[in-house]
Amino acid sequence: MRKIVGRPILPVLRENMGYYLAGALLILGLKRFAKTAGCDSLRWILAPTAWWAGRLCGFSFEYLPGAGYVNHSVRFLIAPSCAGLRFLTLSFAMLLYSFVHRSDRHPVKIIWCAFSLALSYVTAVFTNGIRIALSVHLPPLLLGHGGWLTRESLHTLTGVLTYFTALSLLFWSADRLFRRFSSDDPNGAPLRSFRVLLLPAFWYLFFLLGVPLLTGSWKKDPAGFIGYALLLLPSCCALLLPACAGRFLRAHTKRKRMLP
């Protein structure tokens, strides 16, 4: 029988199905809300993001009703589409579905679900502010010199750099935090081999490429989706390879030291 963290998969699914379903409903609700919400309804996430991005950029953004947060000197608008709700949803899904089954106690599971949502919000604001600051400062430095790099491709690369890196660090930190404060972790040890690196990649690519493929939304712009995927996949691989190589070298060095 297939197993999750050392336990048969069916009992794990039965034990945690309520948490999985509640998480799915919340995720669907967030996605539906993101499609229709205006900037006034998103100030709970846009306002701290604009403040943090302003601190990083060295100037402030002012609220423009019906539009978002704007800085006229650099002609940059933080609109509802820049709120970071998709990354918040992605982070919450990863934290919930990757860790809630690693405890046998329902109070721990409930606390973890609430903590995952709060941590996802903080991470989304922090990461999105960095992405916005990079989006302000990088185009004048990297664009306008010819070559293949366009504003759209730079926007995608900036997103991959910030969001994928933040998601990987979030997963690694959550793994260590969960083991530290939960004595019910069936693993009793950190996730081994390359799972700490590959699981965040799975969630990132599933949300950005898998969901559009499953829902058929990619058919609205097939050429744009293919171009996006051809840029996204190599970018993720380029970020993963150094980390995988470093982990392999550390494991190889450790094995050599253990040899007589």
C-alpha atoms as a PDB file:
ATOM      1  CA  MET A   1       0.000   0.000   0.000  1.00  0.00           C
ATOM      2  CA  ARG A   2       1.269   3.478  -0.856  1.00  0.00           C
ATOM      3  CA  LYS A   3       2.259   5.623   2.096  1.00  0.00           C
ATOM      4  CA  ILE A   4       2.427   9.252   3.207  1.00  0.00           C
ATOM      5  CA  VAL A   5       5.227  10.059   5.662  1.00  0.00           C
ATOM      6  CA  GLY A   6       5.461   6.400   6.667  1.00  0.00           C
ATOM      7  CA  ARG A   7       1.705   5.767   7.060  1.00  0.00           C
ATOM      8  CA  PRO A   8      -0.782   4.099   4.673  1.00  0.00           C
ATOM      9  CA  ILE A   9      -2.365   6.677   2.403  1.00  0.00           C
ATOM     10  CA  LEU A  10      -6.051   5.772   2.909  1.00  0.00           C
ATOM     11  CA  PRO A  11      -6.095   6.202   6.718  1.00  0.00           C
ATOM     12  CA  VAL A  12      -4.204   9.472   6.317  1.00  0.00           C
ATOM     13  CA  LEU A  13      -6.776  10.729   3.812  1.00  0.00           C
ATOM     14  CA  ARG A  14      -9.705   9.705   6.022  1.00  0.00           C
ATOM     15  CA  GLU A  15      -8.157  11.353   9.074  1.00  0.00           C
ATOM     16  CA  ASN A  16      -7.440  14.643   7.310  1.00  0.00           C
ATOM     17  CA  MET A  17     -10.253  14.844   4.756  1.00  0.00           C
ATOM     18  CA  GLY A  18     -12.082  17.523   6.746  1.00  0.00           C
ATOM     19  CA  TYR A  19      -9.011  19.754   6.751  1.00  0.00           C
ATOM     20  CA  TYR A  20      -8.377  19.120   3.058  1.00  0.00           C
ATOM     21  CA  LEU A  21     -11.964  19.996   2.133  1.00  0.00           C
ATOM     22  CA  ALA A  22     -12.017  23.105   4.332  1.00  0.00           C
ATOM     23  CA  GLY A  23      -8.735  24.221   2.759  1.00  0.00           C
ATOM     24  CA  ALA A  24     -10.087  23.596  -0.738  1.00  0.00           C
ATOM     25  CA  LEU A  25     -13.199  25.693  -0.022  1.00  0.00           C
ATOM     26  CA  LEU A  26     -11.070  28.535   1.326  1.00  0.00           C
ATOM     27  CA  ILE A  27      -8.747  28.378  -1.678  1.00  0.00           C
ATOM     28  CA  LEU A  28     -11.666  28.417  -4.121  1.00  0.00           C
ATOM     29  CA  GLY A  29     -13.206  31.301  -2.205  1.00  0.00           C
ATOM     30  CA  LEU A  30      -9.968  33.298  -2.376  1.00  0.00           C
ATOM     31  CA  LYS A  31      -9.637  32.643  -6.097  1.00  0.00           C
ATOM     32  CA  ARG A  32     -13.229  33.717  -6.730  1.00  0.00           C
ATOM     33  CA  PHE A  33     -12.765  36.809  -4.576  1.00  0.00           C
ATOM     34  CA  ALA A  34      -9.561  37.733  -6.435  1.00  0.00           C
ATOM     35  CA  LYS A  35     -11.389  37.694  -9.778  1.00  0.00           C
ATOM     36  CA  THR A  36     -14.023  40.238  -8.755  1.00  0.00           C
ATOM     37  CA  ALA A  37     -12.468  42.324  -5.971  1.00  0.00           C
ATOM     38  CA  GLY A  38     -11.544  45.921  -6.647  1.00  0.00           C
ATOM     39  CA  CYS A  39      -8.755  47.887  -5.030  1.00  0.00           C
ATOM     40  CA  ASP A  40     -11.042  49.145  -2.244  1.00  0.00           C
ATOM     41  CA  SER A  41     -11.802  45.550  -1.221  1.00  0.00           C
ATOM     42  CA  LEU A  42      -8.109  44.629  -1.375  1.00  0.00           C
ATOM     43  CA  ARG A  43      -6.653  47.393   0.775  1.00  0.00           C
ATOM     44  CA  TRP A  44      -6.050  44.834   3.555  1.00  0.00           C
ATOM     45  CA  ILE A  45      -3.248  43.411   1.414  1.00  0.00           C
ATOM     46  CA  LEU A  46      -2.492  46.266  -0.993  1.00  0.00           C
ATOM     47  CA  ALA A  47      -1.809  48.841   1.747  1.00  0.00           C
ATOM     48  CA  PRO A  48       0.958  46.906   3.587  1.00  0.00           C
ATOM     49  CA  THR A  49       2.408  45.789   0.261  1.00  0.00           C
ATOM     50  CA  ALA A  50       2.584  49.380  -1.006  1.00  0.00           C
ATOM     51  CA  TRP A  51       4.143  50.531   2.278  1.00  0.00           C
ATOM     52  CA  TRP A  52       6.794  47.785   2.177  1.00  0.00           C
ATOM     53  CA  ALA A  53       7.528  48.333  -1.524  1.00  0.00           C
ATOM     54  CA  GLY A  54       7.863  52.065  -0.854  1.00  0.00           C
ATOM     55  CA  ARG A  55      10.360  51.419   1.910  1.00  0.00           C
ATOM     56  CA  LEU A  56      12.418  49.267  -0.445  1.00  0.00           C
ATOM     57  CA  CYS A  57      12.185  51.734  -3.343  1.00  0.00           C
ATOM     58  CA  GLY A  58      12.946  54.811  -1.273  1.00  0.00           C
ATOM     59  CA  PHE A  59       9.711  56.635  -2.089  1.00  0.00           C
ATOM     60  CA  SER A  60       6.058  56.344  -1.156  1.00  0.00           C
ATOM     61  CA  PHE A  61       2.938  55.211  -2.976  1.00  0.00           C
ATOM     62  CA  GLU A  62      -0.311  57.091  -2.495  1.00  0.00           C
ATOM     63  CA  TYR A  63      -3.751  55.575  -2.692  1.00  0.00           C
ATOM     64  CA  LEU A  64      -5.794  56.426  -5.777  1.00  0.00           C
ATOM     65  CA  PRO A  65      -9.437  55.365  -5.264  1.00  0.00           C
ATOM     66  CA  GLY A  66     -10.619  52.930  -7.882  1.00  0.00           C
ATOM     67  CA  ALA A  67      -7.115  52.309  -9.231  1.00  0.00           C
ATOM     68  CA  GLY A  68      -4.661  51.295  -6.497  1.00  0.00           C
ATOM     69  CA  TYR A  69      -1.445  52.703  -5.073  1.00  0.00           C
ATOM     70  CA  VAL A  70       0.530  54.933  -7.394  1.00  0.00           C
ATOM     71  CA  ASN A  71       3.795  56.828  -7.534  1.00  0.00           C
ATOM     72  CA  HIS A  72       3.615  59.465 -10.255  1.00  0.00           C
ATOM     73  CA  SER A  73       7.340  60.203 -10.380  1.00  0.00           C
ATOM     74  CA  VAL A  74       8.202  56.702 -11.598  1.00  0.00           C
ATOM     75  CA  ARG A  75       4.776  56.150 -13.222  1.00  0.00           C
ATOM     76  CA  PHE A  76       4.163  52.891 -11.388  1.00  0.00           C
ATOM     77  CA  LEU A  77       0.760  51.617 -10.241  1.00  0.00           C
ATOM     78  CA  ILE A  78       0.189  48.812  -7.730  1.00  0.00           C
ATOM     79  CA  ALA A  79      -3.158  47.631  -9.050  1.00  0.00           C
ATOM     80  CA  PRO A  80      -5.458  44.864  -7.724  1.00  0.00           C
ATOM     81  CA  SER A  81      -3.733  42.409 -10.078  1.00  0.00           C
ATOM     82  CA  CYS A  82      -0.507  43.135  -8.146  1.00  0.00           C
ATOM     83  CA  ALA A  83      -2.045  42.319  -4.761  1.00  0.00           C
ATOM     84  CA  GLY A  84      -0.326  38.929  -4.504  1.00  0.00           C
ATOM     85  CA  LEU A  85      -3.508  36.963  -3.758  1.00  0.00           C
ATOM     86  CA  ARG A  86      -2.463  34.118  -6.043  1.00  0.00           C
ATOM     87  CA  PHE A  87       0.823  33.730  -4.194  1.00  0.00           C
ATOM     88  CA  LEU A  88      -1.026  33.887  -0.858  1.00  0.00           C
ATOM     89  CA  THR A  89      -3.360  31.116  -2.051  1.00  0.00           C
ATOM     90  CA  LEU A  90      -0.459  29.056  -3.381  1.00  0.00           C
ATOM     91  CA  SER A  91       1.502  29.406  -0.130  1.00  0.00           C
ATOM     92  CA  PHE A  92      -1.508  28.417   1.967  1.00  0.00           C
ATOM     93  CA  ALA A  93      -2.226  25.371  -0.200  1.00  0.00           C
ATOM     94  CA  MET A  94       1.384  24.221   0.018  1.00  0.00           C
ATOM     95  CA  LEU A  95       1.563  24.646   3.795  1.00  0.00           C
ATOM     96  CA  LEU A  96      -1.786  22.988   4.446  1.00  0.00           C
ATOM     97  CA  TYR A  97      -1.541  19.979   2.145  1.00  0.00           C
ATOM     98  CA  SER A  98       2.161  19.347   2.774  1.00  0.00           C
ATOM     99  CA  PHE A  99       2.115  19.411   6.572  1.00  0.00           C
ATOM    100  CA  VAL A 100      -1.291  19.019   8.224  1.00  0.00           C
ATOM    101  CA  HIS A 101      -1.152  15.205   7.981  1.00  0.00           C
ATOM    102  CA  ARG A 102       2.163  15.153   9.815  1.00  0.00           C
ATOM    103  CA  SER A 103       0.397  15.487  13.162  1.00  0.00           C
ATOM    104  CA  ASP A 104      -1.899  12.974  14.828  1.00  0.00           C
ATOM    105  CA  ARG A 105      -3.544  15.543  17.127  1.00  0.00           C
ATOM    106  CA  HIS A 106      -6.507  17.590  15.955  1.00  0.00           C
ATOM    107  CA  PRO A 107      -5.653  20.683  18.067  1.00  0.00           C
ATOM    108  CA  VAL A 108      -2.244  20.796  16.368  1.00  0.00           C
ATOM    109  CA  LYS A 109      -3.891  20.433  12.959  1.00  0.00           C
ATOM    110  CA  ILE A 110      -6.321  23.298  13.673  1.00  0.00           C
ATOM    111  CA  ILE A 111      -3.535  25.554  14.921  1.00  0.00           C
ATOM    112  CA  TRP A 112      -1.427  24.685  11.885  1.00  0.00           C
ATOM    113  CA  CYS A 113      -4.253  25.556   9.476  1.00  0.00           C
ATOM    114  CA  ALA A 114      -4.762  28.966  11.090  1.00  0.00           C
ATOM    115  CA  PHE A 115      -1.022  29.587  11.326  1.00  0.00           C
ATOM    116  CA  SER A 116      -0.562  28.593   7.663  1.00  0.00           C
ATOM    117  CA  LEU A 117      -3.073  31.223   6.560  1.00  0.00           C
ATOM    118  CA  ALA A 118      -1.454  33.939   8.686  1.00  0.00           C
ATOM    119  CA  LEU A 119       2.047  32.971   7.575  1.00  0.00           C
ATOM    120  CA  SER A 120       0.943  32.928   3.931  1.00  0.00           C
ATOM    121  CA  TYR A 121      -0.415  36.470   4.281  1.00  0.00           C
ATOM    122  CA  VAL A 122       2.815  37.794   5.806  1.00  0.00           C
ATOM    123  CA  THR A 123       4.929  35.979   3.220  1.00  0.00           C
ATOM    124  CA  ALA A 124       2.785  37.286   0.360  1.00  0.00           C
ATOM    125  CA  VAL A 125       3.127  40.900   1.512  1.00  0.00           C
ATOM    126  CA  PHE A 126       6.876  40.583   2.116  1.00  0.00           C
ATOM    127  CA  THR A 127       7.605  38.797  -1.176  1.00  0.00           C
ATOM    128  CA  ASN A 128       5.298  40.919  -3.303  1.00  0.00           C
ATOM    129  CA  GLY A 129       6.901  44.091  -1.983  1.00  0.00           C
ATOM    130  CA  ILE A 130      10.300  42.809  -3.086  1.00  0.00           C
ATOM    131  CA  ARG A 131       8.923  41.864  -6.511  1.00  0.00           C
ATOM    132  CA  ILE A 132       7.414  45.329  -6.964  1.00  0.00           C
ATOM    133  CA  ALA A 133      10.672  47.010  -5.951  1.00  0.00           C
ATOM    134  CA  LEU A 134      12.550  44.885  -8.489  1.00  0.00           C
ATOM    135  CA  SER A 135       9.932  45.701 -11.124  1.00  0.00           C
ATOM    136  CA  VAL A 136      10.529  49.404 -10.506  1.00  0.00           C
ATOM    137  CA  HIS A 137      14.328  49.338 -10.597  1.00  0.00           C
ATOM    138  CA  LEU A 138      15.222  46.562 -13.059  1.00  0.00           C
ATOM    139  CA  PRO A 139      13.528  47.721 -16.309  1.00  0.00           C
ATOM    140  CA  PRO A 140      15.582  50.953 -16.619  1.00  0.00           C
ATOM    141  CA  LEU A 141      18.747  48.898 -16.102  1.00  0.00           C
ATOM    142  CA  LEU A 142      18.011  45.892 -18.307  1.00  0.00           C
ATOM    143  CA  LEU A 143      15.630  47.076 -21.032  1.00  0.00           C
ATOM    144  CA  GLY A 144      16.237  49.292 -24.018  1.00  0.00           C
ATOM    145  CA  HIS A 145      19.559  47.721 -25.005  1.00  0.00           C
ATOM    146  CA  GLY A 146      18.255  45.333 -27.651  1.00  0.00           C
ATOM    147  CA  GLY A 147      18.357  41.561 -27.300  1.00  0.00           C
ATOM    148  CA  TRP A 148      15.657  39.055 -26.446  1.00  0.00           C
ATOM    149  CA  LEU A 149      14.622  40.509 -23.088  1.00  0.00           C
ATOM    150  CA  THR A 150      11.283  42.305 -23.247  1.00  0.00           C
ATOM    151  CA  ARG A 151       9.202  43.967 -20.541  1.00  0.00           C
ATOM    152  CA  GLU A 152       6.892  40.927 -20.422  1.00  0.00           C
ATOM    153  CA  SER A 153       9.726  38.398 -20.166  1.00  0.00           C
ATOM    154  CA  LEU A 154      11.456  40.498 -17.501  1.00  0.00           C
ATOM    155  CA  HIS A 155       8.186  40.623 -15.553  1.00  0.00           C
ATOM    156  CA  THR A 156       7.963  36.823 -15.702  1.00  0.00           C
ATOM    157  CA  LEU A 157      11.603  36.322 -14.701  1.00  0.00           C
ATOM    158  CA  THR A 158      11.251  38.742 -11.798  1.00  0.00           C
ATOM    159  CA  GLY A 159       8.184  36.864 -10.591  1.00  0.00           C
ATOM    160  CA  VAL A 160       9.937  33.499 -10.799  1.00  0.00           C
ATOM    161  CA  LEU A 161      12.991  34.821  -8.973  1.00  0.00           C
ATOM    162  CA  THR A 162      11.020  36.254  -6.073  1.00  0.00           C
ATOM    163  CA  TYR A 163       8.016  33.943  -5.771  1.00  0.00           C
ATOM    164  CA  PHE A 164       9.718  30.604  -6.388  1.00  0.00           C
ATOM    165  CA  THR A 165      12.643  31.458  -4.114  1.00  0.00           C
ATOM    166  CA  ALA A 166      10.286  32.664  -1.373  1.00  0.00           C
ATOM    167  CA  LEU A 167       8.101  29.557  -1.718  1.00  0.00           C
ATOM    168  CA  SER A 168      11.118  27.263  -1.378  1.00  0.00           C
ATOM    169  CA  LEU A 169      12.379  29.113   1.685  1.00  0.00           C
ATOM    170  CA  LEU A 170       8.865  29.071   3.160  1.00  0.00           C
ATOM    171  CA  PHE A 171       8.611  25.302   2.737  1.00  0.00           C
ATOM    172  CA  TRP A 172      12.033  24.705   4.273  1.00  0.00           C
ATOM    173  CA  SER A 173      11.263  27.006   7.215  1.00  0.00           C
ATOM    174  CA  ALA A 174       7.831  25.438   7.772  1.00  0.00           C
ATOM    175  CA  ASP A 175       9.350  21.957   7.808  1.00  0.00           C
ATOM    176  CA  ARG A 176      11.816  22.971  10.519  1.00  0.00           C
ATOM    177  CA  LEU A 177       9.181  24.909  12.468  1.00  0.00           C
ATOM    178  CA  PHE A 178       6.664  22.075  12.357  1.00  0.00           C
ATOM    179  CA  ARG A 179       9.229  19.554  13.613  1.00  0.00           C
ATOM    180  CA  ARG A 180      10.349  21.894  16.364  1.00  0.00           C
ATOM    181  CA  PHE A 181       6.926  22.523  17.884  1.00  0.00           C
ATOM    182  CA  SER A 182       5.071  19.309  17.028  1.00  0.00           C
ATOM    183  CA  SER A 183       6.034  16.145  18.871  1.00  0.00           C
ATOM    184  CA  ASP A 184       3.555  14.190  16.738  1.00  0.00           C
ATOM    185  CA  ASP A 185       5.496  14.373  13.483  1.00  0.00           C
ATOM    186  CA  PRO A 186       5.583  10.760  12.194  1.00  0.00           C
ATOM    187  CA  ASN A 187       8.781  11.506  10.344  1.00  0.00           C
ATOM    188  CA  GLY A 188      10.663  12.624  13.421  1.00  0.00           C
ATOM    189  CA  ALA A 189      13.255  14.046  11.058  1.00  0.00           C
ATOM    190  CA  PRO A 190      13.486  16.623   8.291  1.00  0.00           C
ATOM    191  CA  LEU A 191      12.274  15.712   4.836  1.00  0.00           C
ATOM    192  CA  ARG A 192      15.175  13.931   3.241  1.00  0.00           C
ATOM    193  CA  SER A 193      16.899  13.891  -0.157  1.00  0.00           C
ATOM    194  CA  PHE A 194      15.528  16.363  -2.685  1.00  0.00           C
ATOM    195  CA  ARG A 195      11.925  16.522  -1.490  1.00  0.00           C
ATOM    196  CA  VAL A 196      12.488  19.819   0.303  1.00  0.00           C
ATOM    197  CA  LEU A 197      13.503  21.277  -3.069  1.00  0.00           C
ATOM    198  CA  LEU A 198      11.088  19.461  -5.374  1.00  0.00           C
ATOM    199  CA  LEU A 199       7.837  19.808  -3.415  1.00  0.00           C
ATOM    200  CA  PRO A 200       7.796  23.634  -3.608  1.00  0.00           C
ATOM    201  CA  ALA A 201       8.568  23.318  -7.331  1.00  0.00           C
ATOM    202  CA  PHE A 202       5.612  20.956  -7.705  1.00  0.00           C
ATOM    203  CA  TRP A 203       3.215  23.391  -6.003  1.00  0.00           C
ATOM    204  CA  TYR A 204       4.538  26.376  -7.931  1.00  0.00           C
ATOM    205  CA  LEU A 205       4.254  24.707 -11.324  1.00  0.00           C
ATOM    206  CA  PHE A 206       0.933  23.081 -10.468  1.00  0.00           C
ATOM    207  CA  PHE A 207      -0.695  26.436  -9.671  1.00  0.00           C
ATOM    208  CA  LEU A 208       0.848  28.338 -12.580  1.00  0.00           C
ATOM    209  CA  LEU A 209       0.693  25.674 -15.299  1.00  0.00           C
ATOM    210  CA  GLY A 210      -1.285  22.699 -14.019  1.00  0.00           C
ATOM    211  CA  VAL A 211      -4.419  24.566 -12.938  1.00  0.00           C
ATOM    212  CA  PRO A 212      -4.789  26.441 -16.274  1.00  0.00           C
ATOM    213  CA  LEU A 213      -4.354  23.130 -18.102  1.00  0.00           C
ATOM    214  CA  LEU A 214      -6.920  21.354 -15.930  1.00  0.00           C
ATOM    215  CA  THR A 215      -9.500  24.149 -16.088  1.00  0.00           C
ATOM    216  CA  GLY A 216      -8.936  24.890 -19.781  1.00  0.00           C
ATOM    217  CA  SER A 217      -8.254  28.584 -19.142  1.00  0.00           C
ATOM    218  CA  TRP A 218      -5.072  28.315 -21.217  1.00  0.00           C
ATOM    219  CA  LYS A 219      -7.252  28.038 -24.334  1.00  0.00           C
ATOM    220  CA  LYS A 220      -8.096  31.744 -24.062  1.00  0.00           C
ATOM    221  CA  ASP A 221      -4.538  32.541 -25.184  1.00  0.00           C
ATOM    222  CA  PRO A 222      -2.706  29.338 -26.236  1.00  0.00           C
ATOM    223  CA  ALA A 223       0.286  31.147 -27.724  1.00  0.00           C
ATOM    224  CA  GLY A 224       0.720  33.302 -24.638  1.00  0.00           C
ATOM    225  CA  PHE A 225       0.418  30.283 -22.331  1.00  0.00           C
ATOM    226  CA  ILE A 226       2.989  28.277 -24.292  1.00  0.00           C
ATOM    227  CA  GLY A 227       5.392  31.215 -24.343  1.00  0.00           C
ATOM    228  CA  TYR A 228       4.896  31.689 -20.614  1.00  0.00           C
ATOM    229  CA  ALA A 229       5.534  27.986 -19.940  1.00  0.00           C
ATOM    230  CA  LEU A 230       8.674  27.964 -22.109  1.00  0.00           C
ATOM    231  CA  LEU A 231      10.062  30.826 -20.051  1.00  0.00           C
ATOM    232  CA  LEU A 232       8.830  29.592 -16.677  1.00  0.00           C
ATOM    233  CA  LEU A 233      10.142  26.009 -16.817  1.00  0.00           C
ATOM    234  CA  PRO A 234      13.782  26.811 -17.688  1.00  0.00           C
ATOM    235  CA  SER A 235      13.782  29.606 -15.104  1.00  0.00           C
ATOM    236  CA  CYS A 236      12.660  27.220 -12.357  1.00  0.00           C
ATOM    237  CA  CYS A 237      15.234  24.645 -13.451  1.00  0.00           C
ATOM    238  CA  ALA A 238      17.963  27.295 -13.399  1.00  0.00           C
ATOM    239  CA  LEU A 239      17.051  28.131  -9.790  1.00  0.00           C
ATOM    240  CA  LEU A 240      16.774  24.475  -8.767  1.00  0.00           C
ATOM    241  CA  LEU A 241      20.016  23.186 -10.268  1.00  0.00           C
ATOM    242  CA  PRO A 242      22.460  25.024  -7.953  1.00  0.00           C
ATOM    243  CA  ALA A 243      20.438  24.005  -4.888  1.00  0.00           C
ATOM    244  CA  CYS A 244      20.251  20.368  -6.033  1.00  0.00           C
ATOM    245  CA  ALA A 245      23.951  20.341  -6.840  1.00  0.00           C
ATOM    246  CA  GLY A 246      24.796  21.784  -3.428  1.00  0.00           C
ATOM    247  CA  ARG A 247      22.636  19.216  -1.638  1.00  0.00           C
ATOM    248  CA  PHE A 248      24.210  16.396  -3.665  1.00  0.00           C
ATOM    249  CA  LEU A 249      27.726  17.580  -2.854  1.00  0.00           C
ATOM    250  CA  ARG A 250      26.929  17.883   0.855  1.00  0.00           C
ATOM    251  CA  ALA A 251      25.462  14.380   0.910  1.00  0.00           C
ATOM    252  CA  HIS A 252      28.451  12.998  -1.010  1.00  0.00           C
ATOM    253  CA  THR A 253      30.913  14.689   1.366  1.00  0.00           C
ATOM    254  CA  LYS A 254      29.022  13.363   4.387  1.00  0.00           C
ATOM    255  CA  ARG A 255      29.114   9.818   3.037  1.00  0.00           C
ATOM    256  CA  LYS A 256      32.829  10.056   2.406  1.00  0.00           C
ATOM    257  CA  ARG A 257      33.454  11.202   5.976  1.00  0.00           C
ATOM    258  CA  MET A 258      31.465   8.264   7.329  1.00  0.00           C
ATOM    259  CA  LEU A 259      33.558   5.747   5.404  1.00  0.00           C
ATOM    260  CA  PRO A 260      36.287   4.026   7.452  1.00  0.00           C
END
